[in-house]
Amino acid sequence: MKLRFDESEIQYWACKYVNDLNEEETLQEEELLALELKIKARGYLLKDELVKVAKWKWPPGRPAALAQENSDDHIKDVTSKAFQLTDIDDSLKVLRSDYGGLRGVLAPIGSAILHLYHKDPYPIYDPHALRAVGERKGRGVWRRYVKYCRELVAQNEVDIRTLDRALWKYSKGKNS
């Protein structure tokens, strides 16, 4: 993997992401970020929080409706397990519906949950962000992508949210 823009531009692209959000998108993201400490202290998501993440990552769409179908206990069990796991692949797999996790949750939404609320830094698995590091979706990409993003975060002294915003905006800005 290789960043397709200079590392010194991470803040620039992240700021561009924030500045280009409309009011609704800004409020939606701020609301999700404001939940971080509460969710980390509790150790799991509630149903309304899961649905908010699904709507944020995949608006409008079926995943949010499917996420609503999960029971409160199932959401608690699955998300608490995901937040306790430290293995990159296992943390995501336990959330995914195709591995018996939460209805409506595949890699994009599962990675968004980890990105926002796991104690370890996780990027969001998104085709736009992957393009910014010269990758495509595929087998083994998730693990490499997480490790690479963690290296970038450490080397550039930015948080994972800043990096993720920059990756997404760079690719989206170059391809829109």
C-alpha atoms as a PDB file:
ATOM      1  CA  MET A   1       0.000   0.000   0.000  1.00  0.00           C
ATOM      2  CA  LYS A   2       1.102   3.498  -0.735  1.00  0.00           C
ATOM      3  CA  LEU A   3      -0.573   6.777   0.054  1.00  0.00           C
ATOM      4  CA  ARG A   4      -1.463   8.530  -3.214  1.00  0.00           C
ATOM      5  CA  PHE A   5      -0.852  11.990  -1.769  1.00  0.00           C
ATOM      6  CA  ASP A   6       1.914  13.399   0.395  1.00  0.00           C
ATOM      7  CA  GLU A   7       1.608  12.635   4.109  1.00  0.00           C
ATOM      8  CA  SER A   8       1.993  16.357   4.816  1.00  0.00           C
ATOM      9  CA  GLU A   9      -1.432  16.827   3.152  1.00  0.00           C
ATOM     10  CA  ILE A  10      -3.394  14.620   5.587  1.00  0.00           C
ATOM     11  CA  GLN A  11      -4.667  17.622   7.566  1.00  0.00           C
ATOM     12  CA  TYR A  12      -5.517  19.488   4.357  1.00  0.00           C
ATOM     13  CA  TRP A  13      -7.703  16.668   3.003  1.00  0.00           C
ATOM     14  CA  ALA A  14      -9.295  16.046   6.406  1.00  0.00           C
ATOM     15  CA  CYS A  15     -10.200  19.737   6.719  1.00  0.00           C
ATOM     16  CA  LYS A  16     -11.594  19.715   3.192  1.00  0.00           C
ATOM     17  CA  TYR A  17     -13.794  16.756   4.186  1.00  0.00           C
ATOM     18  CA  VAL A  18     -15.164  18.643   7.204  1.00  0.00           C
ATOM     19  CA  ASN A  19     -15.645  21.901   5.292  1.00  0.00           C
ATOM     20  CA  ASP A  20     -17.563  20.163   2.505  1.00  0.00           C
ATOM     21  CA  LEU A  21     -20.117  18.511   4.815  1.00  0.00           C
ATOM     22  CA  ASN A  22     -23.608  19.959   4.751  1.00  0.00           C
ATOM     23  CA  GLU A  23     -25.340  20.874   8.012  1.00  0.00           C
ATOM     24  CA  GLU A  24     -27.168  17.548   8.332  1.00  0.00           C
ATOM     25  CA  GLU A  25     -23.996  15.535   7.689  1.00  0.00           C
ATOM     26  CA  THR A  26     -22.084  17.638  10.216  1.00  0.00           C
ATOM     27  CA  LEU A  27     -24.725  17.108  12.902  1.00  0.00           C
ATOM     28  CA  GLN A  28     -24.922  13.390  12.161  1.00  0.00           C
ATOM     29  CA  GLU A  29     -21.153  12.926  12.472  1.00  0.00           C
ATOM     30  CA  GLU A  30     -20.923  15.118  15.595  1.00  0.00           C
ATOM     31  CA  GLU A  31     -23.684  13.071  17.228  1.00  0.00           C
ATOM     32  CA  LEU A  32     -21.848   9.802  16.548  1.00  0.00           C
ATOM     33  CA  LEU A  33     -18.527  11.181  17.794  1.00  0.00           C
ATOM     34  CA  ALA A  34     -20.178  12.560  20.952  1.00  0.00           C
ATOM     35  CA  LEU A  35     -21.241   9.012  21.887  1.00  0.00           C
ATOM     36  CA  GLU A  36     -17.666   7.687  21.925  1.00  0.00           C
ATOM     37  CA  LEU A  37     -16.849   8.003  25.637  1.00  0.00           C
ATOM     38  CA  LYS A  38     -20.251   6.725  26.741  1.00  0.00           C
ATOM     39  CA  ILE A  39     -20.081   3.672  24.466  1.00  0.00           C
ATOM     40  CA  LYS A  40     -16.473   2.878  25.370  1.00  0.00           C
ATOM     41  CA  ALA A  41     -17.334   3.095  29.086  1.00  0.00           C
ATOM     42  CA  ARG A  42     -20.425   0.906  28.637  1.00  0.00           C
ATOM     43  CA  GLY A  43     -18.601  -1.532  26.364  1.00  0.00           C
ATOM     44  CA  TYR A  44     -21.346  -2.124  23.791  1.00  0.00           C
ATOM     45  CA  LEU A  45     -23.812  -0.411  21.451  1.00  0.00           C
ATOM     46  CA  LEU A  46     -27.515   0.094  22.001  1.00  0.00           C
ATOM     47  CA  LYS A  47     -29.944  -0.490  19.128  1.00  0.00           C
ATOM     48  CA  ASP A  48     -30.508   3.199  18.376  1.00  0.00           C
ATOM     49  CA  GLU A  49     -26.723   3.724  18.237  1.00  0.00           C
ATOM     50  CA  LEU A  50     -26.284   0.817  15.819  1.00  0.00           C
ATOM     51  CA  VAL A  51     -29.018   2.218  13.583  1.00  0.00           C
ATOM     52  CA  LYS A  52     -27.407   5.688  13.651  1.00  0.00           C
ATOM     53  CA  VAL A  53     -24.062   4.251  12.534  1.00  0.00           C
ATOM     54  CA  ALA A  54     -25.786   2.264   9.762  1.00  0.00           C
ATOM     55  CA  LYS A  55     -27.647   5.364   8.526  1.00  0.00           C
ATOM     56  CA  TRP A  56     -24.445   7.425   8.624  1.00  0.00           C
ATOM     57  CA  LYS A  57     -22.372   4.891   6.716  1.00  0.00           C
ATOM     58  CA  TRP A  58     -25.041   3.766   4.256  1.00  0.00           C
ATOM     59  CA  PRO A  59     -27.667   6.494   3.775  1.00  0.00           C
ATOM     60  CA  PRO A  60     -30.420   5.848   2.760  1.00  0.00           C
ATOM     61  CA  GLY A  61     -30.565   2.143   2.668  1.00  0.00           C
ATOM     62  CA  ARG A  62     -31.593  -1.272   3.669  1.00  0.00           C
ATOM     63  CA  PRO A  63     -28.792  -1.836   6.227  1.00  0.00           C
ATOM     64  CA  ALA A  64     -30.374   0.573   8.739  1.00  0.00           C
ATOM     65  CA  ALA A  65     -33.735  -1.209   8.438  1.00  0.00           C
ATOM     66  CA  LEU A  66     -32.026  -4.580   8.872  1.00  0.00           C
ATOM     67  CA  ALA A  67     -30.004  -3.271  11.832  1.00  0.00           C
ATOM     68  CA  GLN A  68     -33.287  -2.331  13.505  1.00  0.00           C
ATOM     69  CA  GLU A  69     -34.309  -6.020  13.418  1.00  0.00           C
ATOM     70  CA  ASN A  70     -31.512  -7.078  15.804  1.00  0.00           C
ATOM     71  CA  SER A  71     -32.573  -7.683  19.395  1.00  0.00           C
ATOM     72  CA  ASP A  72     -31.121  -5.492  22.129  1.00  0.00           C
ATOM     73  CA  ASP A  73     -29.441  -8.520  23.729  1.00  0.00           C
ATOM     74  CA  HIS A  74     -27.887  -9.654  20.436  1.00  0.00           C
ATOM     75  CA  ILE A  75     -26.517  -6.162  19.758  1.00  0.00           C
ATOM     76  CA  LYS A  76     -25.073  -6.027  23.264  1.00  0.00           C
ATOM     77  CA  ASP A  77     -23.489  -9.491  22.999  1.00  0.00           C
ATOM     78  CA  VAL A  78     -21.989  -8.986  19.542  1.00  0.00           C
ATOM     79  CA  THR A  79     -20.687  -5.445  20.008  1.00  0.00           C
ATOM     80  CA  SER A  80     -19.245  -6.117  23.463  1.00  0.00           C
ATOM     81  CA  LYS A  81     -17.362  -9.097  22.033  1.00  0.00           C
ATOM     82  CA  ALA A  82     -16.111  -7.044  19.063  1.00  0.00           C
ATOM     83  CA  PHE A  83     -14.877  -4.282  21.371  1.00  0.00           C
ATOM     84  CA  GLN A  84     -12.982  -6.797  23.532  1.00  0.00           C
ATOM     85  CA  LEU A  85     -11.247  -8.555  20.648  1.00  0.00           C
ATOM     86  CA  THR A  86      -7.819  -7.364  19.578  1.00  0.00           C
ATOM     87  CA  ASP A  87      -7.367  -9.422  16.400  1.00  0.00           C
ATOM     88  CA  ILE A  88      -7.970  -7.212  13.361  1.00  0.00           C
ATOM     89  CA  ASP A  89      -9.922  -9.817  11.374  1.00  0.00           C
ATOM     90  CA  ASP A  90     -11.892 -11.271  14.283  1.00  0.00           C
ATOM     91  CA  SER A  91     -13.036  -7.845  15.515  1.00  0.00           C
ATOM     92  CA  LEU A  92     -14.720  -7.194  12.176  1.00  0.00           C
ATOM     93  CA  LYS A  93     -15.966 -10.734  11.522  1.00  0.00           C
ATOM     94  CA  VAL A  94     -17.885 -10.951  14.793  1.00  0.00           C
ATOM     95  CA  LEU A  95     -19.950  -7.906  13.748  1.00  0.00           C
ATOM     96  CA  ARG A  96     -20.728  -9.032  10.199  1.00  0.00           C
ATOM     97  CA  SER A  97     -24.066 -10.618   9.318  1.00  0.00           C
ATOM     98  CA  ASP A  98     -22.391 -13.009   6.873  1.00  0.00           C
ATOM     99  CA  TYR A  99     -20.459 -14.482   9.832  1.00  0.00           C
ATOM    100  CA  GLY A 100     -23.470 -14.713  12.167  1.00  0.00           C
ATOM    101  CA  GLY A 101     -23.131 -11.205  13.586  1.00  0.00           C
ATOM    102  CA  LEU A 102     -25.588  -8.341  13.299  1.00  0.00           C
ATOM    103  CA  ARG A 103     -28.254  -8.094  10.598  1.00  0.00           C
ATOM    104  CA  GLY A 104     -27.503  -5.243   8.222  1.00  0.00           C
ATOM    105  CA  VAL A 105     -23.807  -5.173   9.087  1.00  0.00           C
ATOM    106  CA  LEU A 106     -21.155  -6.034   6.519  1.00  0.00           C
ATOM    107  CA  ALA A 107     -17.581  -4.740   6.291  1.00  0.00           C
ATOM    108  CA  PRO A 108     -18.378  -1.041   5.679  1.00  0.00           C
ATOM    109  CA  ILE A 109     -20.730  -0.652   8.656  1.00  0.00           C
ATOM    110  CA  GLY A 110     -18.802  -3.075  10.861  1.00  0.00           C
ATOM    111  CA  SER A 111     -15.586  -1.173  10.249  1.00  0.00           C
ATOM    112  CA  ALA A 112     -17.400   2.117  10.959  1.00  0.00           C
ATOM    113  CA  ILE A 113     -18.465   0.713  14.347  1.00  0.00           C
ATOM    114  CA  LEU A 114     -14.871  -0.266  15.117  1.00  0.00           C
ATOM    115  CA  HIS A 115     -13.588   3.061  13.772  1.00  0.00           C
ATOM    116  CA  LEU A 116     -15.843   5.084  16.029  1.00  0.00           C
ATOM    117  CA  TYR A 117     -15.937   3.005  19.214  1.00  0.00           C
ATOM    118  CA  HIS A 118     -13.164   0.379  19.505  1.00  0.00           C
ATOM    119  CA  LYS A 119     -10.257   1.197  21.825  1.00  0.00           C
ATOM    120  CA  ASP A 120      -7.787   0.451  19.008  1.00  0.00           C
ATOM    121  CA  PRO A 121      -7.623   2.607  15.858  1.00  0.00           C
ATOM    122  CA  TYR A 122      -9.524   1.182  12.884  1.00  0.00           C
ATOM    123  CA  PRO A 123     -10.110   2.874   9.523  1.00  0.00           C
ATOM    124  CA  ILE A 124     -13.420   2.512   7.710  1.00  0.00           C
ATOM    125  CA  TYR A 125     -13.440  -0.141   4.975  1.00  0.00           C
ATOM    126  CA  ASP A 126     -14.582   1.995   2.071  1.00  0.00           C
ATOM    127  CA  PRO A 127     -13.739   1.780  -1.635  1.00  0.00           C
ATOM    128  CA  HIS A 128     -12.999   5.522  -1.803  1.00  0.00           C
ATOM    129  CA  ALA A 129     -10.540   5.415   1.084  1.00  0.00           C
ATOM    130  CA  LEU A 130      -8.941   2.247  -0.271  1.00  0.00           C
ATOM    131  CA  ARG A 131      -8.307   3.981  -3.608  1.00  0.00           C
ATOM    132  CA  ALA A 132      -6.361   6.683  -1.740  1.00  0.00           C
ATOM    133  CA  VAL A 133      -3.829   4.009  -0.729  1.00  0.00           C
ATOM    134  CA  GLY A 134      -3.839   2.269  -4.114  1.00  0.00           C
ATOM    135  CA  GLU A 135      -5.985  -0.703  -3.036  1.00  0.00           C
ATOM    136  CA  ARG A 136      -9.265  -2.359  -3.909  1.00  0.00           C
ATOM    137  CA  LYS A 137     -11.585  -4.497  -1.867  1.00  0.00           C
ATOM    138  CA  GLY A 138     -10.458  -8.091  -1.684  1.00  0.00           C
ATOM    139  CA  ARG A 139      -9.153 -10.961   0.367  1.00  0.00           C
ATOM    140  CA  GLY A 140      -6.560  -9.952   2.951  1.00  0.00           C
ATOM    141  CA  VAL A 141      -6.916  -6.239   2.236  1.00  0.00           C
ATOM    142  CA  TRP A 142      -8.613  -5.421   5.562  1.00  0.00           C
ATOM    143  CA  ARG A 143      -5.702  -6.580   7.727  1.00  0.00           C
ATOM    144  CA  ARG A 144      -3.107  -4.838   5.544  1.00  0.00           C
ATOM    145  CA  TYR A 145      -5.216  -1.679   5.393  1.00  0.00           C
ATOM    146  CA  VAL A 146      -5.646  -1.480   9.181  1.00  0.00           C
ATOM    147  CA  LYS A 147      -1.926  -2.000   9.777  1.00  0.00           C
ATOM    148  CA  TYR A 148      -0.979   0.569   7.149  1.00  0.00           C
ATOM    149  CA  CYS A 149      -3.405   3.162   8.545  1.00  0.00           C
ATOM    150  CA  ARG A 150      -2.119   2.589  12.075  1.00  0.00           C
ATOM    151  CA  GLU A 151       1.416   3.229  10.806  1.00  0.00           C
ATOM    152  CA  LEU A 152       0.300   6.456   9.100  1.00  0.00           C
ATOM    153  CA  VAL A 153      -1.471   7.616  12.264  1.00  0.00           C
ATOM    154  CA  ALA A 154       1.636   7.017  14.372  1.00  0.00           C
ATOM    155  CA  GLN A 155       4.083   8.538  11.869  1.00  0.00           C
ATOM    156  CA  ASN A 156       1.996  11.657  11.321  1.00  0.00           C
ATOM    157  CA  GLU A 157       0.665  12.155  14.852  1.00  0.00           C
ATOM    158  CA  VAL A 158      -2.964  12.346  13.745  1.00  0.00           C
ATOM    159  CA  ASP A 159      -5.951  10.421  15.015  1.00  0.00           C
ATOM    160  CA  ILE A 160      -7.632   7.722  12.958  1.00  0.00           C
ATOM    161  CA  ARG A 161     -10.702   9.888  12.267  1.00  0.00           C
ATOM    162  CA  THR A 162      -8.515  12.595  10.726  1.00  0.00           C
ATOM    163  CA  LEU A 163      -6.730  10.070   8.524  1.00  0.00           C
ATOM    164  CA  ASP A 164      -9.960   8.389   7.467  1.00  0.00           C
ATOM    165  CA  ARG A 165     -11.516  11.716   6.500  1.00  0.00           C
ATOM    166  CA  ALA A 166      -8.413  12.588   4.462  1.00  0.00           C
ATOM    167  CA  LEU A 167      -8.350   9.253   2.619  1.00  0.00           C
ATOM    168  CA  TRP A 168     -12.035   9.416   1.747  1.00  0.00           C
ATOM    169  CA  LYS A 169     -11.974  13.059   0.665  1.00  0.00           C
ATOM    170  CA  TYR A 170      -8.823  12.711  -1.424  1.00  0.00           C
ATOM    171  CA  SER A 171     -10.264   9.832  -3.418  1.00  0.00           C
ATOM    172  CA  LYS A 172     -13.749  11.292  -3.658  1.00  0.00           C
ATOM    173  CA  GLY A 173     -12.338  14.684  -4.630  1.00  0.00           C
ATOM    174  CA  LYS A 174     -10.168  13.177  -7.346  1.00  0.00           C
ATOM    175  CA  ASN A 175     -12.955  10.978  -8.727  1.00  0.00           C
ATOM    176  CA  SER A 176     -16.021  13.210  -8.552  1.00  0.00           C
END
